[in-house]
Protein backbone atom coordinates (compact mmCIF):
# COMPACT_ATOMS: atom_id res chain seq x y z
CA MET A 1 -107.30 56.51 -150.42
CA ARG A 2 -111.05 56.36 -150.99
CA GLY A 3 -111.04 59.57 -152.98
CA ARG A 4 -109.76 61.60 -150.03
CA PHE A 5 -106.88 63.32 -151.80
CA ALA A 6 -105.89 64.67 -155.21
CA PHE A 7 -102.96 62.97 -156.90
CA LEU A 8 -100.64 63.91 -159.73
CA GLY A 9 -100.32 60.23 -160.58
CA VAL A 10 -96.54 60.01 -160.13
CA PRO A 11 -95.56 56.53 -158.92
CA THR A 12 -93.39 56.30 -155.80
CA ARG A 13 -90.27 55.12 -157.57
CA GLU A 14 -90.35 57.93 -160.13
CA ARG A 15 -91.20 60.52 -157.48
CA ARG A 16 -88.23 59.49 -155.37
CA GLN A 17 -85.87 59.45 -158.36
CA ALA A 18 -86.99 62.95 -159.32
CA THR A 19 -86.76 64.46 -155.81
CA LEU A 20 -83.72 62.68 -154.38
CA PRO A 21 -81.21 65.15 -155.87
CA LEU A 22 -83.15 68.01 -154.29
CA LEU A 23 -83.52 66.32 -150.90
CA ARG A 24 -79.82 65.38 -150.79
CA GLY A 25 -79.09 69.10 -150.70
CA TYR A 26 -80.57 69.36 -147.21
CA THR A 27 -78.46 68.25 -144.25
CA ALA A 28 -81.12 69.26 -141.73
CA LEU A 29 -84.88 69.50 -141.70
CA ASP A 30 -86.16 72.43 -143.72
CA ARG A 31 -89.35 73.52 -141.99
CA ARG A 32 -90.44 75.72 -144.89
CA LEU A 33 -90.05 72.89 -147.42
CA VAL A 34 -92.10 70.58 -145.21
CA LEU A 35 -94.87 73.12 -144.61
CA ASP A 36 -94.96 74.10 -148.27
CA CYS A 37 -95.31 70.46 -149.28
CA PHE A 38 -98.06 69.84 -146.73
CA SER A 39 -99.96 72.90 -147.99
CA GLN A 40 -100.17 71.52 -151.54
CA LYS A 41 -103.33 69.81 -152.70
CA GLU A 42 -101.75 66.79 -154.38
CA ARG A 43 -100.68 63.93 -152.12
CA GLU A 44 -97.26 63.43 -153.71
CA PHE A 45 -96.11 66.67 -152.09
CA GLN A 46 -96.86 65.33 -148.62
CA TYR A 47 -94.89 62.21 -149.56
CA ILE A 48 -91.90 64.38 -150.52
CA ALA A 49 -92.07 66.07 -147.11
CA CYS A 50 -92.19 62.66 -145.40
CA ASP A 51 -89.20 61.47 -147.46
CA HIS A 52 -87.33 64.59 -146.33
CA ILE A 53 -88.23 63.99 -142.68
CA ARG A 54 -87.14 60.33 -142.88
CA ARG A 55 -83.75 61.51 -144.23
CA THR A 56 -83.15 64.35 -141.76
CA GLY A 57 -85.22 63.46 -138.71
CA ILE A 58 -87.52 65.82 -136.87
CA THR A 59 -86.91 67.23 -133.40
CA ASP A 60 -89.65 69.86 -133.28
CA LEU A 61 -92.51 67.80 -131.89
CA SER A 62 -94.98 70.68 -132.13
CA LEU A 63 -94.31 70.74 -135.90
CA ALA A 64 -94.56 66.94 -135.95
CA LEU A 65 -97.92 67.09 -134.21
CA ARG A 66 -99.13 69.67 -136.71
CA LEU A 67 -98.10 67.43 -139.62
CA VAL A 68 -99.79 64.35 -138.14
CA ARG A 69 -103.00 66.37 -137.87
CA THR A 70 -102.78 67.80 -141.41
CA LYS A 71 -104.45 65.81 -144.19
CA SER A 72 -104.24 62.77 -141.91
CA TRP A 73 -104.33 59.32 -143.40
CA TRP A 74 -102.38 56.15 -142.68
CA ASP A 75 -99.78 56.74 -145.41
CA THR A 76 -98.30 59.96 -144.07
CA VAL A 77 -99.00 59.24 -140.41
CA ASP A 78 -97.11 55.93 -140.64
CA ALA A 79 -94.22 57.57 -142.50
CA LEU A 80 -93.86 60.08 -139.65
CA ALA A 81 -94.15 57.60 -136.76
CA LYS A 82 -90.53 56.40 -136.57
CA PRO A 83 -88.88 59.84 -137.00
CA ILE A 84 -91.22 61.24 -134.35
CA GLY A 85 -90.47 58.29 -132.08
CA ALA A 86 -86.75 58.91 -132.45
CA ALA A 87 -87.28 62.45 -131.13
CA GLY A 88 -89.96 61.84 -128.52
CA ASP A 89 -89.16 60.61 -125.04
CA ARG A 90 -91.26 58.24 -122.95
CA GLN A 91 -93.34 61.03 -121.38
CA GLU A 92 -94.07 62.65 -124.73
CA MET A 93 -95.15 59.39 -126.32
CA MET A 94 -97.43 58.67 -123.35
CA ARG A 95 -99.04 62.10 -123.87
CA TRP A 96 -99.49 61.31 -127.56
CA ALA A 97 -100.96 57.92 -126.63
CA ALA A 98 -103.73 59.66 -124.67
CA ASN A 99 -104.44 62.36 -127.28
CA GLY A 100 -108.00 62.86 -128.48
CA ASP A 101 -106.93 62.49 -132.11
CA PHE A 102 -106.65 58.83 -133.05
CA TRP A 103 -103.98 59.60 -135.68
CA VAL A 104 -101.75 61.01 -132.93
CA ARG A 105 -102.40 57.91 -130.84
CA ARG A 106 -101.49 55.75 -133.85
CA VAL A 107 -98.08 57.46 -134.02
CA ALA A 108 -97.51 56.70 -130.33
CA ILE A 109 -98.40 53.04 -130.88
CA LEU A 110 -96.12 52.71 -133.91
CA HIS A 111 -93.23 54.94 -132.85
CA GLN A 112 -90.96 52.05 -131.83
CA LEU A 113 -91.29 50.03 -135.05
CA GLY A 114 -87.95 48.68 -136.19
CA ARG A 115 -86.27 48.79 -132.79
CA GLY A 116 -86.31 45.02 -132.44
CA ALA A 117 -84.70 43.87 -129.19
CA ASP A 118 -84.39 47.53 -128.10
CA THR A 119 -88.17 48.01 -128.00
CA ASP A 120 -89.30 49.37 -124.64
CA LEU A 121 -91.89 46.69 -123.87
CA ASP A 122 -93.19 48.46 -120.77
CA LEU A 123 -93.83 51.61 -122.79
CA LEU A 124 -95.46 49.70 -125.63
CA SER A 125 -97.67 47.87 -123.15
CA ALA A 126 -98.72 51.12 -121.44
CA ILE A 127 -99.50 52.82 -124.77
CA ILE A 128 -101.54 49.85 -125.98
CA ARG A 129 -103.48 49.65 -122.71
CA LEU A 130 -104.40 53.34 -123.03
CA ASN A 131 -105.89 52.58 -126.44
CA LEU A 132 -107.81 49.37 -125.77
CA GLY A 133 -111.45 49.45 -126.68
CA SER A 134 -111.17 52.48 -128.95
CA GLY A 135 -113.14 50.73 -131.68
CA GLU A 136 -111.11 52.74 -134.19
CA PHE A 137 -109.88 50.57 -137.08
CA PHE A 138 -106.59 52.46 -137.51
CA VAL A 139 -105.79 52.23 -133.80
CA ASP A 140 -106.66 48.54 -133.57
CA LYS A 141 -104.64 47.80 -136.70
CA ALA A 142 -101.64 49.72 -135.29
CA ILE A 143 -101.79 47.77 -132.04
CA GLY A 144 -101.68 44.49 -133.94
CA TRP A 145 -98.90 45.70 -136.23
CA ALA A 146 -96.73 46.90 -133.33
CA LEU A 147 -97.17 43.59 -131.51
CA ARG A 148 -96.50 41.58 -134.68
CA GLU A 149 -93.22 43.44 -135.20
CA VAL A 150 -92.20 42.88 -131.58
CA SER A 151 -92.97 39.17 -131.97
CA ARG A 152 -89.84 38.88 -134.13
CA THR A 153 -87.61 39.48 -131.11
CA HIS A 154 -89.92 38.88 -128.15
CA PRO A 155 -92.35 36.12 -129.23
CA MET A 156 -93.07 34.85 -125.71
CA TRP A 157 -93.75 38.36 -124.44
CA VAL A 158 -96.23 38.93 -127.28
CA ARG A 159 -97.99 35.61 -126.64
CA GLU A 160 -98.32 36.42 -122.93
CA PHE A 161 -99.44 39.98 -123.60
CA VAL A 162 -102.06 38.89 -126.13
CA SER A 163 -103.40 36.12 -123.88
CA GLY A 164 -103.65 38.47 -120.89
CA THR A 165 -105.09 41.51 -122.68
CA ASP A 166 -108.58 42.16 -124.00
CA LEU A 167 -107.53 43.09 -127.53
CA SER A 168 -109.93 43.64 -130.38
CA PRO A 169 -110.20 40.68 -132.76
CA LEU A 170 -108.32 42.71 -135.41
CA SER A 171 -105.46 43.55 -133.02
CA ARG A 172 -105.24 39.95 -131.81
CA ARG A 173 -105.23 38.52 -135.33
CA GLU A 174 -102.53 40.95 -136.52
CA ALA A 175 -100.41 40.42 -133.39
CA LEU A 176 -100.36 36.64 -133.75
CA ARG A 177 -99.97 36.48 -137.54
CA ARG A 178 -96.27 35.56 -137.36
CA LEU A 179 -96.65 33.30 -134.36
CA GLY A 180 -99.14 30.88 -135.87
């Protein structure tokens, strides 16, 4: 975290054990809980909000955008990517992919993680192409990670995409890690 945030020092496992009974009480996203957690100084509170969002989902993309832009770092941004991707349609994710904030673009790149064979390869390709040459570590890393995950179900597509695209060395290395 490079000293960016204050911490209480509660390990993930203990934090989740302590908050799970509370979070189980919510059947839908509680906006106030999320905003209250994101307003706290200590990072564990943002993690609780992300745990809540992963359990309930998030359909309010203006709230999602606000969260991505609040106390942004890879840990919370990555935790929000899949729930946001489940709510965002193709057009919305393309808008996010062209956003001036690289954390928002990272969400667009990662939003399909875990979809396996159901990954929209055309969308992923378009989002990656919008972000080529950014020179931003967290964007280049996300590109490689997204491609590496897709290589599980579409290895030939990833090989062809990597060979035909001017990826950063970091993105290329991450994309091909599983493919040898």
